[in-house]
């Protein structure tokens, strides 16, 4: 385990701690092994455990659950926001199209994976804010549905 070099009254001692269990240690001094009982128990340190608090997702995970619109938004309208930062690979709808809940709207590449962005409400596409090849950040509005 650990090696130590001592000099007591001019005489040198080479020591090595071989094993420690509870309060008993095996120590080698100048080639001779001794079993030593310690007065206090040596406690080994443990690696701290990282504990993270749970985080609520930024968007609903189930596409069949419709979200409510904000109070200042026109009634019946809603926005599709980017759940992750990434690049838009494909826009599967165009302005004026009618969509249903759960219909695939956009393919987004995030963290080297393709993610399908689906409609969270039924309606008509009013505007498409981002196009194929655009970079988006988490929470950016991509599509407005009426």
N, C-alpha and C. Protein backbone atom coordinates (compact mmCIF):
# COMPACT_ATOMS: atom_id res chain seq x y z
N UNK A 1 0.83 -1.19 0.00
CA UNK A 1 0.00 0.00 0.00
C UNK A 1 0.88 1.25 0.00
N UNK A 2 1.39 1.65 1.17
CA UNK A 2 2.22 2.85 1.26
C UNK A 2 3.57 2.50 1.87
N UNK A 3 4.60 3.19 1.38
CA UNK A 3 5.95 2.97 1.88
C UNK A 3 6.42 4.25 2.58
N UNK A 4 7.13 4.06 3.70
CA UNK A 4 7.67 5.19 4.46
C UNK A 4 9.11 4.90 4.81
N UNK A 5 9.91 5.97 4.94
CA UNK A 5 11.30 5.85 5.36
C UNK A 5 11.45 6.71 6.62
N UNK A 6 11.92 6.08 7.74
CA UNK A 6 12.11 6.80 9.00
C UNK A 6 13.58 6.76 9.39
N UNK A 7 13.97 7.77 10.13
CA UNK A 7 15.30 7.78 10.73
C UNK A 7 15.11 8.14 12.20
N UNK A 8 15.38 7.15 13.09
CA UNK A 8 15.22 7.36 14.52
C UNK A 8 16.59 7.16 15.18
N UNK A 9 17.07 8.20 15.83
CA UNK A 9 18.39 8.19 16.50
C UNK A 9 19.48 7.70 15.56
N UNK A 10 19.44 8.15 14.32
CA UNK A 10 20.47 7.81 13.34
C UNK A 10 20.26 6.48 12.66
N UNK A 11 19.31 5.69 13.09
CA UNK A 11 19.08 4.39 12.47
C UNK A 11 17.90 4.51 11.50
N UNK A 12 18.07 3.99 10.26
CA UNK A 12 17.03 4.11 9.24
C UNK A 12 16.11 2.90 9.25
N UNK A 13 14.81 3.17 9.05
CA UNK A 13 13.80 2.13 9.00
C UNK A 13 13.00 2.29 7.70
N UNK A 14 12.94 1.22 6.91
CA UNK A 14 12.09 1.21 5.71
C UNK A 14 10.82 0.45 6.06
N UNK A 15 9.68 1.14 5.99
CA UNK A 15 8.42 0.52 6.39
C UNK A 15 7.44 0.53 5.22
N UNK A 16 6.54 -0.44 5.29
CA UNK A 16 5.50 -0.52 4.27
C UNK A 16 4.23 -1.05 4.93
N UNK A 17 3.12 -0.34 4.71
CA UNK A 17 1.83 -0.81 5.22
C UNK A 17 1.29 -1.79 4.18
N UNK A 18 1.13 -3.05 4.57
CA UNK A 18 0.71 -4.09 3.63
C UNK A 18 -0.81 -4.21 3.54
N UNK A 19 -1.48 -4.15 4.70
CA UNK A 19 -2.93 -4.39 4.72
C UNK A 19 -3.52 -3.74 5.96
N UNK A 20 -4.72 -3.17 5.84
CA UNK A 20 -5.43 -2.61 6.98
C UNK A 20 -6.86 -3.11 6.92
N UNK A 21 -7.30 -3.80 7.98
CA UNK A 21 -8.69 -4.24 8.09
C UNK A 21 -9.19 -3.84 9.46
N UNK A 22 -10.29 -3.10 9.48
CA UNK A 22 -10.86 -2.57 10.72
C UNK A 22 -9.76 -1.81 11.46
N UNK A 23 -9.35 -2.30 12.66
CA UNK A 23 -8.30 -1.60 13.40
C UNK A 23 -7.02 -2.44 13.52
N UNK A 24 -6.81 -3.40 12.62
CA UNK A 24 -5.61 -4.24 12.59
C UNK A 24 -4.86 -4.00 11.28
N UNK A 25 -3.55 -3.72 11.41
CA UNK A 25 -2.73 -3.44 10.23
C UNK A 25 -1.55 -4.41 10.18
N UNK A 26 -1.18 -4.83 8.97
CA UNK A 26 0.03 -5.62 8.75
C UNK A 26 1.08 -4.66 8.21
N UNK A 27 2.19 -4.54 8.96
CA UNK A 27 3.23 -3.57 8.59
C UNK A 27 4.57 -4.31 8.48
N UNK A 28 5.31 -3.99 7.44
CA UNK A 28 6.64 -4.57 7.24
C UNK A 28 7.67 -3.50 7.60
N UNK A 29 8.59 -3.83 8.54
CA UNK A 29 9.65 -2.90 8.96
C UNK A 29 10.98 -3.59 8.68
N UNK A 30 11.78 -3.03 7.78
CA UNK A 30 13.08 -3.57 7.37
C UNK A 30 13.00 -5.07 7.05
N UNK A 31 11.93 -5.48 6.33
CA UNK A 31 11.80 -6.85 5.88
C UNK A 31 11.08 -7.77 6.86
N UNK A 32 10.75 -7.31 8.06
CA UNK A 32 10.06 -8.13 9.06
C UNK A 32 8.61 -7.66 9.15
N UNK A 33 7.65 -8.61 9.08
CA UNK A 33 6.23 -8.27 9.09
C UNK A 33 5.70 -8.31 10.52
N UNK A 34 4.94 -7.27 10.87
CA UNK A 34 4.32 -7.17 12.19
C UNK A 34 2.81 -6.96 12.01
N UNK A 35 2.04 -7.51 12.94
CA UNK A 35 0.60 -7.25 12.99
C UNK A 35 0.39 -6.27 14.13
N UNK A 36 -0.20 -5.14 13.80
CA UNK A 36 -0.34 -4.05 14.76
C UNK A 36 -1.82 -3.73 14.94
N UNK A 37 -2.22 -3.55 16.21
CA UNK A 37 -3.60 -3.15 16.49
C UNK A 37 -3.62 -1.64 16.71
N UNK A 38 -4.47 -0.96 15.97
CA UNK A 38 -4.56 0.49 16.05
C UNK A 38 -5.57 0.89 17.12
N UNK A 39 -5.32 2.05 17.76
CA UNK A 39 -6.22 2.52 18.81
C UNK A 39 -7.56 2.98 18.25
N UNK A 40 -7.54 3.66 17.14
CA UNK A 40 -8.79 4.11 16.53
C UNK A 40 -8.94 3.42 15.19
N UNK A 41 -10.18 3.23 14.79
CA UNK A 41 -10.46 2.56 13.54
C UNK A 41 -10.25 3.53 12.39
N UNK A 42 -9.48 3.12 11.39
CA UNK A 42 -9.26 3.95 10.21
C UNK A 42 -10.45 3.77 9.28
N UNK A 43 -11.03 4.88 8.90
CA UNK A 43 -12.18 4.82 8.00
C UNK A 43 -11.73 5.23 6.61
N UNK A 44 -12.07 4.40 5.65
CA UNK A 44 -11.71 4.73 4.27
C UNK A 44 -12.68 5.78 3.74
N UNK A 45 -12.15 6.67 2.92
CA UNK A 45 -13.00 7.69 2.33
C UNK A 45 -13.71 7.11 1.12
N UNK A 46 -14.93 7.52 0.94
CA UNK A 46 -15.72 7.04 -0.19
C UNK A 46 -15.80 8.15 -1.24
N UNK A 47 -15.93 7.73 -2.46
CA UNK A 47 -16.10 8.67 -3.54
C UNK A 47 -17.47 9.32 -3.41
N UNK A 48 -17.54 10.66 -3.46
CA UNK A 48 -18.85 11.29 -3.31
C UNK A 48 -19.76 10.93 -4.47
N UNK A 49 -21.05 10.83 -4.19
CA UNK A 49 -22.03 10.48 -5.20
C UNK A 49 -22.72 11.75 -5.68
N UNK A 50 -22.75 11.94 -7.00
CA UNK A 50 -23.39 13.09 -7.59
C UNK A 50 -24.89 12.85 -7.63
N UNK A 51 -25.66 13.73 -7.01
CA UNK A 51 -27.10 13.61 -6.98
C UNK A 51 -27.68 14.82 -7.69
N UNK A 52 -28.44 14.56 -8.74
CA UNK A 52 -29.06 15.64 -9.50
C UNK A 52 -30.54 15.68 -9.22
N UNK A 53 -31.07 16.87 -9.15
CA UNK A 53 -32.50 17.00 -8.94
C UNK A 53 -33.22 16.66 -10.25
N UNK A 54 -34.46 16.22 -10.13
CA UNK A 54 -35.21 15.88 -11.33
C UNK A 54 -35.60 17.17 -12.06
N UNK A 55 -35.57 17.11 -13.37
CA UNK A 55 -35.86 18.27 -14.19
C UNK A 55 -37.10 17.99 -15.01
N UNK A 56 -38.01 18.95 -15.03
CA UNK A 56 -39.22 18.80 -15.83
C UNK A 56 -38.86 19.02 -17.30
N UNK A 57 -39.38 18.21 -18.21
CA UNK A 57 -39.08 18.39 -19.63
C UNK A 57 -39.63 19.72 -20.15
N UNK A 58 -38.95 20.27 -21.17
CA UNK A 58 -39.37 21.56 -21.70
C UNK A 58 -40.62 21.44 -22.57
N UNK A 59 -40.92 20.23 -23.05
CA UNK A 59 -42.13 20.02 -23.85
C UNK A 59 -42.81 18.74 -23.37
N UNK A 60 -44.08 18.62 -23.69
CA UNK A 60 -44.78 17.39 -23.32
C UNK A 60 -44.22 16.23 -24.12
N UNK A 61 -44.11 15.07 -23.51
CA UNK A 61 -43.50 13.93 -24.19
C UNK A 61 -44.49 13.14 -25.04
N UNK A 62 -45.77 13.27 -24.79
CA UNK A 62 -46.76 12.49 -25.52
C UNK A 62 -47.48 13.39 -26.52
N UNK A 63 -47.40 13.10 -27.83
CA UNK A 63 -47.97 13.99 -28.83
C UNK A 63 -49.50 14.05 -28.82
N UNK A 64 -50.17 13.05 -28.25
CA UNK A 64 -51.63 13.05 -28.27
C UNK A 64 -52.23 14.02 -27.24
N UNK A 65 -51.40 14.54 -26.35
CA UNK A 65 -51.88 15.47 -25.33
C UNK A 65 -51.72 16.88 -25.88
N UNK A 66 -52.83 17.55 -26.13
CA UNK A 66 -52.78 18.90 -26.67
C UNK A 66 -52.38 19.89 -25.58
N UNK A 67 -51.55 20.88 -25.95
CA UNK A 67 -51.12 21.90 -25.01
C UNK A 67 -52.06 23.09 -25.12
N UNK A 68 -52.16 23.87 -24.08
CA UNK A 68 -52.99 25.06 -24.14
C UNK A 68 -52.17 26.23 -24.65
N UNK A 69 -52.82 27.18 -25.28
CA UNK A 69 -52.11 28.34 -25.80
C UNK A 69 -51.93 29.37 -24.69
N UNK A 70 -50.99 30.28 -24.89
CA UNK A 70 -50.78 31.33 -23.89
C UNK A 70 -51.95 32.31 -23.92
N UNK A 71 -52.24 33.01 -22.80
CA UNK A 71 -53.41 33.87 -22.74
C UNK A 71 -53.41 35.01 -23.76
N UNK A 72 -52.21 35.53 -24.13
CA UNK A 72 -52.18 36.65 -25.07
C UNK A 72 -52.14 36.20 -26.53
N UNK A 73 -52.05 34.90 -26.79
CA UNK A 73 -52.04 34.39 -28.17
C UNK A 73 -53.47 34.35 -28.69
N UNK A 74 -53.64 34.46 -30.00
CA UNK A 74 -54.99 34.36 -30.56
C UNK A 74 -55.57 33.00 -30.20
N UNK A 75 -56.86 32.98 -29.91
CA UNK A 75 -57.50 31.74 -29.48
C UNK A 75 -57.45 30.70 -30.59
N UNK A 76 -57.11 29.49 -30.21
CA UNK A 76 -57.05 28.40 -31.17
C UNK A 76 -55.71 28.27 -31.85
N UNK A 77 -54.78 29.19 -31.59
CA UNK A 77 -53.47 29.09 -32.23
C UNK A 77 -52.47 28.46 -31.28
N UNK A 78 -51.38 27.96 -31.82
CA UNK A 78 -50.33 27.35 -31.01
C UNK A 78 -49.02 27.36 -31.76
N UNK A 79 -47.95 27.15 -31.03
CA UNK A 79 -46.64 27.15 -31.67
C UNK A 79 -45.95 25.82 -31.43
N UNK A 80 -45.15 25.42 -32.39
CA UNK A 80 -44.29 24.25 -32.25
C UNK A 80 -42.89 24.80 -32.00
N UNK A 81 -42.32 24.43 -30.85
CA UNK A 81 -40.99 24.91 -30.47
C UNK A 81 -39.98 23.78 -30.55
N UNK A 82 -38.73 24.15 -30.74
CA UNK A 82 -37.66 23.17 -30.80
C UNK A 82 -37.39 22.63 -29.39
N UNK A 83 -37.45 21.29 -29.22
CA UNK A 83 -37.19 20.72 -27.91
C UNK A 83 -35.70 20.67 -27.56
N UNK A 84 -34.83 20.75 -28.58
CA UNK A 84 -33.39 20.66 -28.41
C UNK A 84 -32.69 21.60 -29.37
N UNK A 85 -31.46 22.02 -29.07
CA UNK A 85 -30.70 22.75 -30.08
C UNK A 85 -30.27 21.79 -31.18
N UNK A 86 -30.30 22.24 -32.42
CA UNK A 86 -29.92 21.36 -33.52
C UNK A 86 -30.08 22.03 -34.87
N UNK A 87 -30.13 21.22 -35.92
CA UNK A 87 -30.26 21.69 -37.30
C UNK A 87 -31.47 21.01 -37.92
N UNK A 88 -32.29 21.79 -38.62
CA UNK A 88 -33.47 21.24 -39.27
C UNK A 88 -33.03 20.51 -40.54
N UNK A 89 -33.33 19.20 -40.61
CA UNK A 89 -32.97 18.39 -41.77
C UNK A 89 -34.05 18.43 -42.84
N UNK A 90 -35.33 18.49 -42.42
CA UNK A 90 -36.42 18.46 -43.38
C UNK A 90 -37.68 19.08 -42.77
N UNK A 91 -38.40 19.84 -43.59
CA UNK A 91 -39.71 20.37 -43.21
C UNK A 91 -40.73 19.60 -44.03
N UNK A 92 -41.62 18.86 -43.38
CA UNK A 92 -42.53 17.93 -44.07
C UNK A 92 -43.89 18.55 -44.39
N UNK A 93 -44.12 19.80 -44.01
CA UNK A 93 -45.39 20.49 -44.29
C UNK A 93 -45.10 21.85 -44.90
N UNK A 94 -46.15 22.48 -45.43
CA UNK A 94 -45.99 23.84 -45.95
C UNK A 94 -47.14 24.70 -45.43
N UNK A 95 -47.00 26.00 -45.56
CA UNK A 95 -48.04 26.91 -45.06
C UNK A 95 -49.36 26.61 -45.74
N UNK A 96 -50.43 26.59 -44.94
CA UNK A 96 -51.76 26.30 -45.45
C UNK A 96 -52.18 24.85 -45.28
N UNK A 97 -51.24 23.94 -45.02
CA UNK A 97 -51.58 22.53 -44.81
C UNK A 97 -52.39 22.37 -43.52
N UNK A 98 -53.29 21.39 -43.53
CA UNK A 98 -54.04 21.03 -42.34
C UNK A 98 -53.36 19.83 -41.69
N UNK A 99 -53.13 19.92 -40.37
CA UNK A 99 -52.41 18.85 -39.67
C UNK A 99 -53.27 18.30 -38.53
N UNK A 100 -52.96 17.05 -38.15
CA UNK A 100 -53.64 16.39 -37.04
C UNK A 100 -52.66 16.23 -35.89
N UNK A 101 -53.16 15.98 -34.69
CA UNK A 101 -52.31 15.74 -33.53
C UNK A 101 -51.46 14.50 -33.80
N UNK A 102 -50.16 14.62 -33.56
CA UNK A 102 -49.25 13.50 -33.75
C UNK A 102 -48.65 13.40 -35.14
N UNK A 103 -49.08 14.27 -36.07
CA UNK A 103 -48.53 14.23 -37.44
C UNK A 103 -47.10 14.77 -37.42
N UNK A 104 -46.20 14.09 -38.16
CA UNK A 104 -44.80 14.50 -38.23
C UNK A 104 -44.69 15.79 -39.05
N UNK A 105 -44.03 16.82 -38.46
CA UNK A 105 -43.90 18.11 -39.12
C UNK A 105 -42.47 18.39 -39.58
N UNK A 106 -41.52 18.08 -38.73
CA UNK A 106 -40.13 18.46 -38.98
C UNK A 106 -39.22 17.32 -38.54
N UNK A 107 -38.08 17.17 -39.22
CA UNK A 107 -37.01 16.27 -38.79
C UNK A 107 -35.87 17.16 -38.33
N UNK A 108 -35.47 16.99 -37.07
CA UNK A 108 -34.44 17.83 -36.45
C UNK A 108 -33.26 16.95 -36.06
N UNK A 109 -32.06 17.35 -36.47
CA UNK A 109 -30.86 16.64 -36.04
C UNK A 109 -30.33 17.34 -34.80
N UNK A 110 -30.26 16.56 -33.71
CA UNK A 110 -29.73 17.08 -32.45
C UNK A 110 -28.85 16.01 -31.84
N UNK A 111 -27.65 16.36 -31.46
CA UNK A 111 -26.69 15.43 -30.86
C UNK A 111 -26.47 14.21 -31.75
N UNK A 112 -26.35 14.43 -33.06
CA UNK A 112 -26.09 13.40 -34.06
C UNK A 112 -27.21 12.36 -34.17
N UNK A 113 -28.42 12.76 -33.78
CA UNK A 113 -29.57 11.87 -33.90
C UNK A 113 -30.70 12.63 -34.58
N UNK A 114 -31.49 11.91 -35.37
CA UNK A 114 -32.64 12.52 -36.01
C UNK A 114 -33.83 12.43 -35.06
N UNK A 115 -34.51 13.57 -34.85
CA UNK A 115 -35.67 13.63 -33.98
C UNK A 115 -36.86 14.12 -34.79
N UNK A 116 -37.99 13.41 -34.67
CA UNK A 116 -39.21 13.84 -35.35
C UNK A 116 -39.97 14.80 -34.45
N UNK A 117 -40.31 15.97 -34.99
CA UNK A 117 -41.12 16.95 -34.26
C UNK A 117 -42.53 16.80 -34.79
N UNK A 118 -43.47 16.50 -33.88
CA UNK A 118 -44.84 16.23 -34.26
C UNK A 118 -45.78 17.33 -33.79
N UNK A 119 -46.94 17.41 -34.43
CA UNK A 119 -47.95 18.41 -34.06
C UNK A 119 -48.57 18.04 -32.72
N UNK A 120 -48.69 19.04 -31.84
CA UNK A 120 -49.31 18.78 -30.54
C UNK A 120 -50.76 19.24 -30.52
N UNK A 121 -51.24 19.73 -31.66
CA UNK A 121 -52.65 20.11 -31.79
C UNK A 121 -53.04 20.03 -33.25
N UNK A 122 -54.32 19.91 -33.50
CA UNK A 122 -54.82 19.89 -34.88
C UNK A 122 -55.07 21.32 -35.34
N UNK A 123 -54.91 21.55 -36.61
CA UNK A 123 -55.15 22.89 -37.15
C UNK A 123 -54.50 23.09 -38.50
N UNK A 124 -54.41 24.38 -38.89
CA UNK A 124 -53.83 24.75 -40.17
C UNK A 124 -52.50 25.45 -39.92
N UNK A 125 -51.49 25.15 -40.75
CA UNK A 125 -50.17 25.78 -40.62
C UNK A 125 -50.30 27.23 -41.08
N UNK A 126 -50.05 28.17 -40.15
CA UNK A 126 -50.13 29.60 -40.48
C UNK A 126 -48.79 30.09 -41.01
N UNK A 127 -47.71 29.74 -40.31
CA UNK A 127 -46.40 30.17 -40.80
C UNK A 127 -45.33 29.18 -40.35
N UNK A 128 -44.28 29.10 -41.17
CA UNK A 128 -43.12 28.27 -40.88
C UNK A 128 -41.96 29.23 -40.67
N UNK A 129 -41.46 29.29 -39.44
CA UNK A 129 -40.44 30.28 -39.05
C UNK A 129 -39.02 29.84 -39.42
N UNK A 130 -38.77 28.54 -39.51
CA UNK A 130 -37.43 28.03 -39.82
C UNK A 130 -37.52 27.10 -41.02
N UNK A 131 -36.47 27.08 -41.82
CA UNK A 131 -36.44 26.26 -43.03
C UNK A 131 -35.35 25.19 -42.92
N UNK A 132 -35.32 24.29 -43.92
CA UNK A 132 -34.33 23.22 -43.98
C UNK A 132 -32.92 23.82 -43.94
N UNK A 133 -32.07 23.27 -43.06
CA UNK A 133 -30.69 23.75 -42.94
C UNK A 133 -30.50 24.80 -41.86
N UNK A 134 -31.58 25.36 -41.31
CA UNK A 134 -31.47 26.37 -40.26
C UNK A 134 -31.06 25.75 -38.94
N UNK A 135 -30.25 26.46 -38.18
CA UNK A 135 -29.90 26.04 -36.82
C UNK A 135 -30.94 26.62 -35.87
N UNK A 136 -31.32 25.83 -34.88
CA UNK A 136 -32.30 26.29 -33.89
C UNK A 136 -31.76 26.01 -32.50
N UNK A 137 -32.20 26.82 -31.56
CA UNK A 137 -31.87 26.61 -30.15
C UNK A 137 -33.12 26.06 -29.46
N UNK A 138 -32.94 25.50 -28.28
CA UNK A 138 -34.06 24.97 -27.52
C UNK A 138 -35.06 26.09 -27.23
N UNK A 139 -36.33 25.84 -27.57
CA UNK A 139 -37.38 26.83 -27.31
C UNK A 139 -37.67 27.76 -28.48
N UNK A 140 -36.87 27.70 -29.55
CA UNK A 140 -37.12 28.54 -30.72
C UNK A 140 -38.44 28.10 -31.37
N UNK A 141 -39.25 29.09 -31.78
CA UNK A 141 -40.51 28.77 -32.48
C UNK A 141 -40.17 28.37 -33.91
N UNK A 142 -40.71 27.20 -34.30
CA UNK A 142 -40.45 26.68 -35.65
C UNK A 142 -41.68 26.85 -36.53
N UNK A 143 -42.85 26.48 -36.00
CA UNK A 143 -44.10 26.50 -36.78
C UNK A 143 -45.22 27.09 -35.93
N UNK A 144 -46.11 27.86 -36.56
CA UNK A 144 -47.30 28.38 -35.90
C UNK A 144 -48.50 27.68 -36.49
N UNK A 145 -49.34 27.09 -35.61
CA UNK A 145 -50.55 26.38 -36.04
C UNK A 145 -51.78 27.16 -35.55
N UNK A 146 -52.78 27.31 -36.45
CA UNK A 146 -54.01 28.02 -36.09
C UNK A 146 -55.16 27.06 -35.94
